[in-house]
Amino acid sequence: AWPAYEAALKTAGVRYTAHQYAGTQHGFNNDT
């Protein structure tokens, strides 16, 4: 769903930075 939302953020002039962490799974920050 990100490409459509990113395009909308760009159109709206929202300040954003997006990072994708290669090879990681959903929940990669949860150290449990």
Full PDB file with SEQRES, HELIX, SHEET, SSBOND, CRYST1, ORIGX, SCALE, CONECT and MASTER records, all heavy atoms in Angstrom:
SEQRES   1 A   32  ALA TRP PRO ALA TYR GLU ALA ALA LEU LYS THR ALA GLY          
SEQRES   2 A   32  VAL ARG TYR THR ALA HIS GLN TYR ALA GLY THR GLN HIS          
SEQRES   3 A   32  GLY PHE ASN ASN ASP THR                                      
HELIX    1 AA1 TRP A    2  ALA A   12  1                                  11    
CRYST1    1.000    1.000    1.000  90.00  90.00  90.00 P 1           1          
ORIGX1      1.000000  0.000000  0.000000        0.00000                         
ORIGX2      0.000000  1.000000  0.000000        0.00000                         
ORIGX3      0.000000  0.000000  1.000000        0.00000                         
SCALE1      1.000000  0.000000  0.000000        0.00000                         
SCALE2      0.000000  1.000000  0.000000        0.00000                         
SCALE3      0.000000  0.000000  1.000000        0.00000                         
ATOM      1  N   ALA A   1       0.810  -1.221   0.000  1.00  0.00           N  
ATOM      2  CA  ALA A   1       0.000   0.000   0.000  1.00  0.00           C  
ATOM      3  C   ALA A   1       0.846   1.276   0.000  1.00  0.00           C  
ATOM      4  O   ALA A   1       0.301   2.374  -0.152  1.00  0.00           O  
ATOM      5  CB  ALA A   1      -0.933   0.005   1.213  1.00  0.00           C  
ATOM      6  N   TRP A   2       2.161   1.151   0.148  1.00  0.00           N  
ATOM      7  CA  TRP A   2       2.995   2.332   0.318  1.00  0.00           C  
ATOM      8  C   TRP A   2       3.066   3.215  -0.930  1.00  0.00           C  
ATOM      9  O   TRP A   2       2.969   4.448  -0.818  1.00  0.00           O  
ATOM     10  CB  TRP A   2       4.397   1.923   0.784  1.00  0.00           C  
ATOM     11  CG  TRP A   2       5.423   3.025   0.770  1.00  0.00           C  
ATOM     12  CD1 TRP A   2       6.613   3.028   0.127  1.00  0.00           C  
ATOM     13  CD2 TRP A   2       5.349   4.299   1.430  1.00  0.00           C  
ATOM     14  NE1 TRP A   2       7.296   4.196   0.339  1.00  0.00           N  
ATOM     15  CE2 TRP A   2       6.537   4.998   1.143  1.00  0.00           C  
ATOM     16  CE3 TRP A   2       4.397   4.911   2.247  1.00  0.00           C  
ATOM     17  CZ2 TRP A   2       6.802   6.282   1.620  1.00  0.00           C  
ATOM     18  CZ3 TRP A   2       4.652   6.200   2.718  1.00  0.00           C  
ATOM     19  CH2 TRP A   2       5.838   6.861   2.417  1.00  0.00           C  
ATOM     20  N   PRO A   3       3.250   2.681  -2.138  1.00  0.00           N  
ATOM     21  CA  PRO A   3       3.405   3.579  -3.286  1.00  0.00           C  
ATOM     22  C   PRO A   3       2.255   4.573  -3.445  1.00  0.00           C  
ATOM     23  O   PRO A   3       2.491   5.758  -3.717  1.00  0.00           O  
ATOM     24  CB  PRO A   3       3.494   2.615  -4.474  1.00  0.00           C  
ATOM     25  CG  PRO A   3       4.079   1.367  -3.890  1.00  0.00           C  
ATOM     26  CD  PRO A   3       3.453   1.270  -2.531  1.00  0.00           C  
ATOM     27  N   ALA A   4       1.027   4.124  -3.248  1.00  0.00           N  
ATOM     28  CA  ALA A   4      -0.118   5.036  -3.389  1.00  0.00           C  
ATOM     29  C   ALA A   4      -0.113   6.096  -2.302  1.00  0.00           C  
ATOM     30  O   ALA A   4      -0.386   7.282  -2.568  1.00  0.00           O  
ATOM     31  CB  ALA A   4      -1.431   4.245  -3.350  1.00  0.00           C  
ATOM     32  N   TYR A   5       0.223   5.677  -1.076  1.00  0.00           N  
ATOM     33  CA  TYR A   5       0.229   6.659   0.009  1.00  0.00           C  
ATOM     34  C   TYR A   5       1.404   7.616  -0.135  1.00  0.00           C  
ATOM     35  O   TYR A   5       1.272   8.822   0.111  1.00  0.00           O  
ATOM     36  CB  TYR A   5       0.247   5.973   1.377  1.00  0.00           C  
ATOM     37  CG  TYR A   5      -0.121   6.910   2.503  1.00  0.00           C  
ATOM     38  CD1 TYR A   5      -1.382   7.487   2.562  1.00  0.00           C  
ATOM     39  CD2 TYR A   5       0.795   7.241   3.505  1.00  0.00           C  
ATOM     40  CE1 TYR A   5      -1.734   8.367   3.580  1.00  0.00           C  
ATOM     41  CE2 TYR A   5       0.454   8.114   4.523  1.00  0.00           C  
ATOM     42  CZ  TYR A   5      -0.808   8.672   4.560  1.00  0.00           C  
ATOM     43  OH  TYR A   5      -1.151   9.549   5.567  1.00  0.00           O  
ATOM     44  N   GLU A   6       2.539   7.110  -0.573  1.00  0.00           N  
ATOM     45  CA  GLU A   6       3.702   7.993  -0.793  1.00  0.00           C  
ATOM     46  C   GLU A   6       3.376   9.047  -1.847  1.00  0.00           C  
ATOM     47  O   GLU A   6       3.720  10.231  -1.684  1.00  0.00           O  
ATOM     48  CB  GLU A   6       4.929   7.182  -1.220  1.00  0.00           C  
ATOM     49  CG  GLU A   6       6.145   8.072  -1.438  1.00  0.00           C  
ATOM     50  CD  GLU A   6       7.397   7.313  -1.826  1.00  0.00           C  
ATOM     51  OE1 GLU A   6       7.292   6.284  -2.500  1.00  0.00           O  
ATOM     52  OE2 GLU A   6       8.491   7.776  -1.446  1.00  0.00           O  
ATOM     53  N   ALA A   7       2.714   8.634  -2.918  1.00  0.00           N  
ATOM     54  CA  ALA A   7       2.349   9.595  -3.959  1.00  0.00           C  
ATOM     55  C   ALA A   7       1.435  10.680  -3.398  1.00  0.00           C  
ATOM     56  O   ALA A   7       1.581  11.874  -3.728  1.00  0.00           O  
ATOM     57  CB  ALA A   7       1.665   8.869  -5.113  1.00  0.00           C  
ATOM     58  N   ALA A   8       0.513  10.280  -2.521  1.00  0.00           N  
ATOM     59  CA  ALA A   8      -0.399  11.257  -1.914  1.00  0.00           C  
ATOM     60  C   ALA A   8       0.346  12.201  -0.974  1.00  0.00           C  
ATOM     61  O   ALA A   8       0.054  13.406  -0.926  1.00  0.00           O  
ATOM     62  CB  ALA A   8      -1.512  10.530  -1.168  1.00  0.00           C  
ATOM     63  N   LEU A   9       1.316  11.681  -0.226  1.00  0.00           N  
ATOM     64  CA  LEU A   9       2.123  12.536   0.653  1.00  0.00           C  
ATOM     65  C   LEU A   9       2.906  13.557  -0.173  1.00  0.00           C  
ATOM     66  O   LEU A   9       2.997  14.737   0.194  1.00  0.00           O  
ATOM     67  CB  LEU A   9       3.091  11.692   1.482  1.00  0.00           C  
ATOM     68  CG  LEU A   9       2.503  10.797   2.572  1.00  0.00           C  
ATOM     69  CD1 LEU A   9       3.596   9.920   3.188  1.00  0.00           C  
ATOM     70  CD2 LEU A   9       1.815  11.618   3.668  1.00  0.00           C  
ATOM     71  N   LYS A  10       3.473  13.109  -1.295  1.00  0.00           N  
ATOM     72  CA  LYS A  10       4.229  14.023  -2.161  1.00  0.00           C  
ATOM     73  C   LYS A  10       3.320  15.115  -2.710  1.00  0.00           C  
ATOM     74  O   LYS A  10       3.679  16.300  -2.703  1.00  0.00           O  
ATOM     75  CB  LYS A  10       4.874  13.235  -3.301  1.00  0.00           C  
ATOM     76  CG  LYS A  10       6.079  12.417  -2.885  1.00  0.00           C  
ATOM     77  CD  LYS A  10       6.669  11.680  -4.076  1.00  0.00           C  
ATOM     78  CE  LYS A  10       7.936  10.934  -3.672  1.00  0.00           C  
ATOM     79  NZ  LYS A  10       8.491  10.147  -4.802  1.00  0.00           N  
ATOM     80  N   THR A  11       2.142  14.718  -3.169  1.00  0.00           N  
ATOM     81  CA  THR A  11       1.195  15.686  -3.711  1.00  0.00           C  
ATOM     82  C   THR A  11       0.807  16.724  -2.664  1.00  0.00           C  
ATOM     83  O   THR A  11       0.649  17.911  -2.966  1.00  0.00           O  
ATOM     84  CB  THR A  11      -0.064  14.974  -4.230  1.00  0.00           C  
ATOM     85  OG1 THR A  11       0.323  14.076  -5.279  1.00  0.00           O  
ATOM     86  CG2 THR A  11      -1.099  15.952  -4.752  1.00  0.00           C  
ATOM     87  N   ALA A  12       0.682  16.259  -1.399  1.00  0.00           N  
ATOM     88  CA  ALA A  12       0.272  17.151  -0.310  1.00  0.00           C  
ATOM     89  C   ALA A  12       1.428  17.965   0.249  1.00  0.00           C  
ATOM     90  O   ALA A  12       1.225  18.835   1.102  1.00  0.00           O  
ATOM     91  CB  ALA A  12      -0.370  16.329   0.806  1.00  0.00           C  
ATOM     92  N   GLY A  13       2.642  17.692  -0.203  1.00  0.00           N  
ATOM     93  CA  GLY A  13       3.797  18.439   0.291  1.00  0.00           C  
ATOM     94  C   GLY A  13       4.201  18.084   1.710  1.00  0.00           C  
ATOM     95  O   GLY A  13       4.825  18.893   2.408  1.00  0.00           O  
ATOM     96  N   VAL A  14       3.874  16.872   2.142  1.00  0.00           N  
ATOM     97  CA  VAL A  14       4.213  16.435   3.497  1.00  0.00           C  
ATOM     98  C   VAL A  14       5.711  16.130   3.576  1.00  0.00           C  
ATOM     99  O   VAL A  14       6.287  15.531   2.656  1.00  0.00           O  
ATOM    100  CB  VAL A  14       3.393  15.182   3.876  1.00  0.00           C  
ATOM    101  CG1 VAL A  14       3.832  14.628   5.239  1.00  0.00           C  
ATOM    102  CG2 VAL A  14       1.899  15.508   3.887  1.00  0.00           C  
ATOM    103  N   ARG A  15       6.324  16.530   4.661  1.00  0.00           N  
ATOM    104  CA  ARG A  15       7.730  16.198   4.898  1.00  0.00           C  
ATOM    105  C   ARG A  15       7.803  14.774   5.440  1.00  0.00           C  
ATOM    106  O   ARG A  15       7.234  14.478   6.500  1.00  0.00           O  
ATOM    107  CB  ARG A  15       8.342  17.158   5.918  1.00  0.00           C  
ATOM    108  CG  ARG A  15       8.481  18.601   5.426  1.00  0.00           C  
ATOM    109  CD  ARG A  15       8.762  19.544   6.580  1.00  0.00           C  
ATOM    110  NE  ARG A  15       7.611  19.636   7.479  1.00  0.00           N  
ATOM    111  CZ  ARG A  15       7.676  20.063   8.733  1.00  0.00           C  
ATOM    112  NH1 ARG A  15       8.833  20.400   9.270  1.00  0.00           N  
ATOM    113  NH2 ARG A  15       6.581  20.141   9.463  1.00  0.00           N  
ATOM    114  N   TYR A  16       8.484  13.899   4.732  1.00  0.00           N  
ATOM    115  CA  TYR A  16       8.578  12.516   5.208  1.00  0.00           C  
ATOM    116  C   TYR A  16       9.910  11.922   4.775  1.00  0.00           C  
ATOM    117  O   TYR A  16      10.513  12.332   3.779  1.00  0.00           O  
ATOM    118  CB  TYR A  16       7.424  11.663   4.664  1.00  0.00           C  
ATOM    119  CG  TYR A  16       7.564  11.302   3.209  1.00  0.00           C  
ATOM    120  CD1 TYR A  16       8.205  10.118   2.822  1.00  0.00           C  
ATOM    121  CD2 TYR A  16       7.100  12.153   2.209  1.00  0.00           C  
ATOM    122  CE1 TYR A  16       8.367   9.805   1.487  1.00  0.00           C  
ATOM    123  CE2 TYR A  16       7.261  11.851   0.871  1.00  0.00           C  
ATOM    124  CZ  TYR A  16       7.895  10.663   0.512  1.00  0.00           C  
ATOM    125  OH  TYR A  16       8.076  10.357  -0.813  1.00  0.00           O  
ATOM    126  N   THR A  17      10.360  10.959   5.549  1.00  0.00           N  
ATOM    127  CA  THR A  17      11.506  10.130   5.185  1.00  0.00           C  
ATOM    128  C   THR A  17      11.081   8.689   5.411  1.00  0.00           C  
ATOM    129  O   THR A  17      10.495   8.364   6.456  1.00  0.00           O  
ATOM    130  CB  THR A  17      12.735  10.444   6.059  1.00  0.00           C  
ATOM    131  OG1 THR A  17      13.035  11.837   5.966  1.00  0.00           O  
ATOM    132  CG2 THR A  17      13.934   9.627   5.626  1.00  0.00           C  
ATOM    133  N   ALA A  18      11.356   7.828   4.437  1.00  0.00           N  
ATOM    134  CA  ALA A  18      10.987   6.417   4.556  1.00  0.00           C  
ATOM    135  C   ALA A  18      12.231   5.556   4.391  1.00  0.00           C  
ATOM    136  O   ALA A  18      13.063   5.811   3.509  1.00  0.00           O  
ATOM    137  CB  ALA A  18       9.947   6.049   3.511  1.00  0.00           C  
ATOM    138  N   HIS A  19      12.352   4.565   5.256  1.00  0.00           N  
ATOM    139  CA  HIS A  19      13.473   3.628   5.186  1.00  0.00           C  
ATOM    140  C   HIS A  19      12.923   2.210   5.127  1.00  0.00           C  
ATOM    141  O   HIS A  19      12.037   1.847   5.908  1.00  0.00           O  
ATOM    142  CB  HIS A  19      14.371   3.742   6.419  1.00  0.00           C  
ATOM    143  CG  HIS A  19      15.029   5.070   6.579  1.00  0.00           C  
ATOM    144  ND1 HIS A  19      16.078   5.501   5.781  1.00  0.00           N  
ATOM    145  CD2 HIS A  19      14.801   6.083   7.465  1.00  0.00           C  
ATOM    146  CE1 HIS A  19      16.453   6.708   6.166  1.00  0.00           C  
ATOM    147  NE2 HIS A  19      15.700   7.085   7.178  1.00  0.00           N  
ATOM    148  N   GLN A  20      13.453   1.411   4.216  1.00  0.00           N  
ATOM    149  CA  GLN A  20      13.135  -0.014   4.180  1.00  0.00           C  
ATOM    150  C   GLN A  20      14.403  -0.784   4.524  1.00  0.00           C  
ATOM    151  O   GLN A  20      15.474  -0.502   3.986  1.00  0.00           O  
ATOM    152  CB  GLN A  20      12.613  -0.421   2.798  1.00  0.00           C  
ATOM    153  CG  GLN A  20      12.065  -1.846   2.774  1.00  0.00           C  
ATOM    154  CD  GLN A  20      11.394  -2.197   1.461  1.00  0.00           C  
ATOM    155  OE1 GLN A  20      11.985  -2.867   0.616  1.00  0.00           O  
ATOM    156  NE2 GLN A  20      10.168  -1.742   1.280  1.00  0.00           N  
ATOM    157  N   TYR A  21      14.265  -1.740   5.422  1.00  0.00           N  
ATOM    158  CA  TYR A  21      15.420  -2.476   5.953  1.00  0.00           C  
ATOM    159  C   TYR A  21      15.475  -3.850   5.283  1.00  0.00           C  
ATOM    160  O   TYR A  21      14.673  -4.737   5.587  1.00  0.00           O  
ATOM    161  CB  TYR A  21      15.318  -2.566   7.483  1.00  0.00           C  
ATOM    162  CG  TYR A  21      15.313  -1.194   8.111  1.00  0.00           C  
ATOM    163  CD1 TYR A  21      14.140  -0.440   8.203  1.00  0.00           C  
ATOM    164  CD2 TYR A  21      16.496  -0.603   8.552  1.00  0.00           C  
ATOM    165  CE1 TYR A  21      14.137   0.842   8.731  1.00  0.00           C  
ATOM    166  CE2 TYR A  21      16.510   0.680   9.080  1.00  0.00           C  
ATOM    167  CZ  TYR A  21      15.322   1.392   9.167  1.00  0.00           C  
ATOM    168  OH  TYR A  21      15.325   2.671   9.690  1.00  0.00           O  
ATOM    169  N   ALA A  22      16.400  -3.987   4.355  1.00  0.00           N  
ATOM    170  CA  ALA A  22      16.439  -5.157   3.472  1.00  0.00           C  
ATOM    171  C   ALA A  22      16.550  -6.456   4.264  1.00  0.00           C  
ATOM    172  O   ALA A  22      17.326  -6.560   5.222  1.00  0.00           O  
ATOM    173  CB  ALA A  22      17.627  -5.035   2.515  1.00  0.00           C  
ATOM    174  N   GLY A  23      15.744  -7.423   3.849  1.00  0.00           N  
ATOM    175  CA  GLY A  23      15.821  -8.759   4.440  1.00  0.00           C  
ATOM    176  C   GLY A  23      15.147  -8.921   5.777  1.00  0.00           C  
ATOM    177  O   GLY A  23      15.142 -10.017   6.332  1.00  0.00           O  
ATOM    178  N   THR A  24      14.576  -7.831   6.322  1.00  0.00           N  
ATOM    179  CA  THR A  24      13.964  -7.925   7.654  1.00  0.00           C  
ATOM    180  C   THR A  24      12.491  -8.323   7.560  1.00  0.00           C  
ATOM    181  O   THR A  24      11.831  -8.119   6.543  1.00  0.00           O  
ATOM    182  CB  THR A  24      14.068  -6.595   8.403  1.00  0.00           C  
ATOM    183  OG1 THR A  24      13.396  -5.579   7.648  1.00  0.00           O  
ATOM    184  CG2 THR A  24      15.523  -6.203   8.617  1.00  0.00           C  
ATOM    185  N   GLN A  25      11.997  -8.870   8.659  1.00  0.00           N  
ATOM    186  CA  GLN A  25      10.607  -9.293   8.765  1.00  0.00           C  
ATOM    187  C   GLN A  25       9.767  -8.216   9.454  1.00  0.00           C  
ATOM    188  O   GLN A  25      10.283  -7.408  10.237  1.00  0.00           O  
ATOM    189  CB  GLN A  25      10.517 -10.587   9.604  1.00  0.00           C  
ATOM    190  CG  GLN A  25      11.381 -11.722   9.106  1.00  0.00           C  
ATOM    191  CD  GLN A  25      10.896 -12.317   7.803  1.00  0.00           C  
ATOM    192  OE1 GLN A  25       9.690 -12.451   7.585  1.00  0.00           O  
ATOM    193  NE2 GLN A  25      11.821 -12.668   6.924  1.00  0.00           N  
ATOM    194  N   HIS A  26       8.470  -8.241   9.202  1.00  0.00           N  
ATOM    195  CA  HIS A  26       7.532  -7.424   9.980  1.00  0.00           C  
ATOM    196  C   HIS A  26       7.802  -7.686  11.463  1.00  0.00           C  
ATOM    197  O   HIS A  26       7.932  -8.828  11.882  1.00  0.00           O  
ATOM    198  CB  HIS A  26       6.098  -7.837   9.632  1.00  0.00           C  
ATOM    199  CG  HIS A  26       5.053  -7.027  10.319  1.00  0.00           C  
ATOM    200  ND1 HIS A  26       4.531  -5.870   9.775  1.00  0.00           N  
ATOM    201  CD2 HIS A  26       4.432  -7.194  11.509  1.00  0.00           C  
ATOM    202  CE1 HIS A  26       3.629  -5.367  10.597  1.00  0.00           C  
ATOM    203  NE2 HIS A  26       3.555  -6.152  11.659  1.00  0.00           N  
ATOM    204  N   GLY A  27       7.894  -6.623  12.252  1.00  0.00           N  
ATOM    205  CA  GLY A  27       8.192  -6.787  13.675  1.00  0.00           C  
ATOM    206  C   GLY A  27       9.676  -6.819  13.995  1.00  0.00           C  
ATOM    207  O   GLY A  27      10.058  -7.178  15.113  1.00  0.00           O  
ATOM    208  N   PHE A  28      10.516  -6.396  13.051  1.00  0.00           N  
ATOM    209  CA  PHE A  28      11.968  -6.548  13.260  1.00  0.00           C  
ATOM    210  C   PHE A  28      12.492  -5.752  14.441  1.00  0.00           C  
ATOM    211  O   PHE A  28      13.572  -6.023  14.954  1.00  0.00           O  
ATOM    212  CB  PHE A  28      12.748  -6.189  11.992  1.00  0.00           C  
ATOM    213  CG  PHE A  28      12.784  -4.723  11.652  1.00  0.00           C  
ATOM    214  CD1 PHE A  28      13.685  -3.867  12.262  1.00  0.00           C  
ATOM    215  CD2 PHE A  28      11.921  -4.189  10.702  1.00  0.00           C  
ATOM    216  CE1 PHE A  28      13.717  -2.505  11.955  1.00  0.00           C  
ATOM    217  CE2 PHE A  28      11.946  -2.841  10.373  1.00  0.00           C  
ATOM    218  CZ  PHE A  28      12.849  -2.000  11.010  1.00  0.00           C  
ATOM    219  N   ASN A  29      11.764  -4.725  14.891  1.00  0.00           N  
ATOM    220  CA  ASN A  29      12.251  -3.938  16.035  1.00  0.00           C  
ATOM    221  C   ASN A  29      11.923  -4.584  17.373  1.00  0.00           C  
ATOM    222  O   ASN A  29      12.484  -4.202  18.398  1.00  0.00           O  
ATOM    223  CB  ASN A  29      11.635  -2.536  16.000  1.00  0.00           C  
ATOM    224  CG  ASN A  29      12.252  -1.622  17.035  1.00  0.00           C  
ATOM    225  OD1 ASN A  29      13.391  -1.192  16.897  1.00  0.00           O  
ATOM    226  ND2 ASN A  29      11.503  -1.316  18.103  1.00  0.00           N  
ATOM    227  N   ASN A  30      11.015  -5.543  17.375  1.00  0.00           N  
ATOM    228  CA  ASN A  30      10.566  -6.158  18.636  1.00  0.00           C  
ATOM    229  C   ASN A  30      11.573  -7.225  19.056  1.00  0.00           C  
ATOM    230  O   ASN A  30      11.641  -8.314  18.479  1.00  0.00           O  
ATOM    231  CB  ASN A  30       9.176  -6.762  18.444  1.00  0.00           C  
ATOM    232  CG  ASN A  30       8.586  -7.278  19.740  1.00  0.00           C  
ATOM    233  OD1 ASN A  30       9.309  -7.691  20.636  1.00  0.00           O  
ATOM    234  ND2 ASN A  30       7.277  -7.267  19.838  1.00  0.00           N  
ATOM    235  N   ASP A  31      12.359  -6.901  20.075  1.00  0.00           N  
ATOM    236  CA  ASP A  31      13.461  -7.778  20.466  1.00  0.00           C  
ATOM    237  C   ASP A  31      13.029  -8.940  21.353  1.00  0.00           C  
ATOM    238  O   ASP A  31      13.860  -9.611  21.950  1.00  0.00           O  
ATOM    239  CB  ASP A  31      14.575  -6.980  21.143  1.00  0.00           C  
ATOM    240  CG  ASP A  31      14.073  -6.006  22.197  1.00  0.00           C  
ATOM    241  OD1 ASP A  31      12.864  -6.007  22.491  1.00  0.00           O  
ATOM    242  OD2 ASP A  31      14.897  -5.232  22.723  1.00  0.00           O  
ATOM    243  N   THR A  32      11.742  -9.225  21.437  1.00  0.00           N  
ATOM    244  CA  THR A  32      11.268 -10.362  22.229  1.00  0.00           C  
ATOM    245  C   THR A  32      11.005 -11.587  21.366  1.00  0.00           C  
ATOM    246  O   THR A  32      10.652 -12.646  21.900  1.00  0.00           O  
ATOM    247  CB  THR A  32       9.964 -10.014  22.988  1.00  0.00           C  
ATOM    248  OG1 THR A  32       8.875  -9.906  22.060  1.00  0.00           O  
ATOM    249  CG2 THR A  32      10.113  -8.730  23.767  1.00  0.00           C  
TER     250      THR A  32                                                      
MASTER        0    0    0    1    0    0    0    6  249    1    0    3          
END                                                                             
